[in-house]
Protein backbone atom coordinates (compact mmCIF):
# COMPACT_ATOMS: atom_id res chain seq x y z
CA MET A 1 29.40 11.16 45.20
CA GLU A 2 30.02 12.19 41.60
CA ARG A 3 28.84 8.86 40.34
CA THR A 4 25.65 8.93 42.34
CA LYS A 5 24.89 12.54 41.15
CA LEU A 6 25.40 11.43 37.45
CA LEU A 7 23.11 8.39 37.90
CA THR A 8 20.49 10.61 39.52
CA VAL A 9 20.51 13.06 36.66
CA ALA A 10 20.32 10.19 34.16
CA VAL A 11 17.31 8.65 35.85
CA VAL A 12 15.50 11.98 36.07
CA PHE A 13 16.25 12.65 32.31
CA LEU A 14 14.96 9.15 31.41
CA LEU A 15 11.79 9.71 33.51
CA ILE A 16 11.16 13.00 31.80
CA ILE A 17 11.53 11.36 28.38
CA ASN A 18 9.25 8.53 29.42
CA PHE A 19 6.58 10.98 30.54
CA LEU A 20 6.78 13.10 27.36
CA THR A 21 6.41 9.84 25.22
CA VAL A 22 3.47 8.54 27.24
CA GLY A 23 1.86 12.00 27.07
CA ARG A 24 2.22 12.25 23.34
CA TRP A 25 0.90 8.78 22.96
CA LEU A 26 -2.13 9.53 25.14
CA LEU A 27 -2.87 12.88 23.41
CA GLN A 28 -2.33 11.75 19.85
CA PRO A 29 -5.61 11.20 17.99
CA ALA A 30 -6.63 7.58 17.43
CA GLY A 31 -6.70 6.08 14.15
CA PRO A 32 -4.20 5.73 11.17
CA PRO A 33 -2.44 8.68 9.78
CA PRO A 34 -4.31 10.70 7.22
CA GLY A 35 -3.89 9.53 3.56
CA SER A 36 -2.64 6.07 4.64
CA GLY A 37 -5.67 4.35 3.25
CA VAL A 38 -5.95 2.24 6.47
CA GLY A 39 -9.23 2.47 8.20
CA ARG A 40 -11.47 2.36 5.21
CA PRO A 41 -13.24 -0.99 5.71
CA ASN A 42 -13.73 -1.52 1.99
CA GLY A 43 -11.59 1.04 0.27
CA PRO A 44 -11.85 1.10 -3.54
CA ALA A 45 -14.17 -1.86 -3.60
CA GLU A 46 -17.08 0.10 -1.91
CA LEU A 47 -16.31 3.12 -4.15
CA ILE A 48 -16.47 0.89 -7.29
CA ASN A 49 -19.65 -0.72 -6.06
CA GLN A 50 -21.27 2.67 -5.53
CA ARG A 51 -19.97 4.34 -8.74
CA LEU A 52 -21.04 1.49 -10.87
CA HIS A 53 -24.42 1.01 -9.05
CA PHE A 54 -23.89 -2.62 -8.72
CA SER A 55 -26.85 -4.86 -7.76
CA GLU A 56 -26.59 -7.24 -4.92
CA SER A 57 -25.81 -10.16 -7.35
CA GLN A 58 -23.13 -8.09 -8.97
CA ARG A 59 -21.60 -7.15 -5.68
CA GLN A 60 -21.21 -10.85 -4.85
CA GLN A 61 -19.61 -11.54 -8.20
CA TYR A 62 -17.40 -8.49 -7.72
CA ARG A 63 -16.24 -9.81 -4.22
CA LEU A 64 -15.05 -12.97 -5.88
CA LEU A 65 -13.20 -11.01 -8.50
CA ILE A 66 -11.60 -9.03 -5.65
CA ASP A 67 -10.51 -12.20 -3.85
CA GLN A 68 -9.00 -13.55 -7.15
CA HIS A 69 -7.26 -10.32 -7.88
CA GLN A 70 -5.74 -10.19 -4.44
CA GLN A 71 -4.54 -13.66 -4.64
CA ALA A 72 -3.00 -12.93 -7.98
CA LEU A 73 -1.26 -9.78 -6.69
CA ARG A 74 -0.03 -11.14 -3.31
CA PRO A 75 3.04 -13.05 -4.67
CA LEU A 76 3.79 -10.22 -7.12
CA ASN A 77 3.89 -7.70 -4.33
CA ARG A 78 6.05 -9.95 -2.11
CA GLU A 79 8.47 -10.28 -5.11
CA ALA A 80 8.43 -6.47 -5.53
CA ALA A 81 9.34 -6.05 -1.99
CA ARG A 82 12.09 -8.63 -2.24
CA LEU A 83 13.52 -7.13 -5.45
CA TYR A 84 13.42 -3.52 -4.14
CA GLY A 85 15.15 -4.81 -0.94
CA ALA A 86 17.93 -6.53 -2.85
CA TYR A 87 18.23 -3.59 -5.26
CA TYR A 88 18.68 -0.94 -2.66
CA GLY A 89 20.75 -3.41 -0.51
CA LEU A 90 23.45 -3.14 -3.21
CA LEU A 91 24.09 0.41 -1.93
CA ALA A 92 25.73 -1.07 1.16
CA GLN A 93 28.64 -2.25 -1.08
CA THR A 94 31.46 0.12 -1.97
CA PRO A 95 31.19 0.57 -4.91
CA PRO A 96 27.67 -0.95 -5.63
CA ASP A 97 27.64 -3.68 -8.22
CA THR A 98 26.25 -1.88 -11.12
CA ALA A 99 25.63 -4.98 -13.24
CA ARG A 100 23.55 -6.63 -10.54
CA ALA A 101 21.73 -3.28 -10.02
CA ALA A 102 20.89 -3.27 -13.72
CA ALA A 103 19.65 -6.87 -13.53
CA PHE A 104 17.53 -6.04 -10.46
CA SER A 105 16.15 -2.96 -12.30
CA GLN A 106 15.10 -5.15 -15.13
CA GLN A 107 13.48 -7.69 -12.85
CA ILE A 108 11.60 -4.89 -11.05
CA ALA A 109 10.35 -3.53 -14.34
CA GLN A 110 9.13 -7.02 -15.42
CA ASN A 111 7.42 -7.53 -12.03
CA GLN A 112 5.70 -4.07 -12.46
CA ARG A 113 4.55 -5.18 -15.99
CA LEU A 114 2.96 -8.25 -14.42
CA ILE A 115 1.24 -6.25 -11.78
CA ALA A 116 -0.08 -3.91 -14.38
CA GLY A 117 -1.32 -6.84 -16.50
CA VAL A 118 -3.08 -8.35 -13.44
CA ASN A 119 -4.77 -4.97 -12.71
CA PHE A 120 -5.71 -4.52 -16.38
CA ALA A 121 -7.36 -7.98 -16.55
CA HIS A 122 -9.07 -7.40 -13.22
CA PHE A 123 -10.79 -4.21 -14.68
CA ARG A 124 -11.70 -6.02 -17.96
CA GLN A 125 -13.51 -8.50 -15.69
CA ILE A 126 -15.30 -5.68 -13.91
CA LYS A 127 -16.31 -4.16 -17.25
CA ALA A 128 -17.74 -7.59 -18.21
CA LEU A 129 -19.70 -7.65 -15.01
CA CYS A 130 -21.47 -4.34 -15.83
CA ARG A 131 -24.83 -4.24 -17.55
CA PRO A 132 -25.22 -2.08 -20.70
CA ASP A 133 -26.74 0.71 -18.64
CA GLN A 134 -23.64 0.75 -16.36
CA GLN A 135 -21.05 0.94 -19.16
CA ALA A 136 -21.04 4.81 -19.08
CA ASP A 137 -20.35 4.62 -15.36
CA PHE A 138 -17.53 2.25 -16.02
CA THR A 139 -16.07 4.58 -18.66
CA ARG A 140 -16.11 7.52 -16.14
CA LEU A 141 -14.49 5.29 -13.52
CA VAL A 142 -11.71 4.25 -15.98
CA ALA A 143 -10.96 7.89 -16.47
CA ASP A 144 -10.48 8.39 -12.79
CA LEU A 145 -8.36 5.28 -12.22
CA ALA A 146 -5.03 6.97 -12.05
CA GLN A 147 -6.37 9.21 -9.21
CA LEU A 148 -8.20 6.41 -7.47
CA PHE A 149 -5.31 4.06 -7.27
CA ASN A 150 -2.40 6.56 -7.07
CA HIS A 151 0.31 4.83 -4.92
CA THR A 152 1.45 8.20 -3.49
CA SER A 153 -1.77 8.64 -1.69
CA ARG A 154 -0.87 5.68 0.46
CA GLY A 155 2.56 7.10 1.31
CA ASN A 156 4.49 4.04 -0.01
CA PRO A 157 4.81 2.77 -3.48
CA PRO A 158 4.93 -1.07 -3.95
CA GLY A 159 8.04 -2.57 -2.47
CA HIS A 160 8.45 0.55 -0.13
CA GLU A 161 6.37 -0.65 2.77
CA ARG A 162 7.48 0.31 6.28
CA PRO A 163 9.23 -2.41 8.35
CA GLY A 164 6.63 -4.94 9.46
CA GLN A 165 3.99 -3.50 6.89
CA GLN A 166 2.60 -5.99 4.36
CA PRO A 167 2.27 -5.00 0.78
CA ASP A 168 -1.26 -3.68 -0.02
CA GLU A 169 -3.07 -5.59 -2.75
CA ASN A 170 -6.11 -3.23 -2.71
CA PHE A 171 -4.83 0.35 -2.94
CA ALA A 172 -6.79 3.01 -1.26
CA PRO A 173 -8.39 5.91 -3.19
CA ARG A 174 -7.32 9.56 -2.47
CA PRO A 175 -9.21 11.26 0.24
């Protein structure tokens, strides 16, 4: 009888937890978490189009630049995720291998320099796309770049994506 009573209590407890989980899921607002950058169909691309007042022809050229930019960043972001994983994976060792940690740290820094270079070149291309009357808008945009592309607004810096989350090549602006 004791075993039956214990199993009954366990089943009731699991049912309560199940109902609470389903209830929370049903009552939770739909959509991505605030500040995640997910859910903005065009993210910074549309913002840049608007701020620079691009014509339709410029928008088409800019879309091609975005595709090239994302293709260039994709392997670098994958490498950043791999390097961060290996770097922090060293903490599982007792004691961690400090020589390998230093090497990974240097590789991470080099990868970040490459990412910064790709981003810089991308914005040089955007500047070249601007007409003379759009240059002042571009200058104002450049002044706001740190805020527009701040990694902390996404919740995860490069290489720190949640399990199953892909690195984001097109960072979301702050809300």
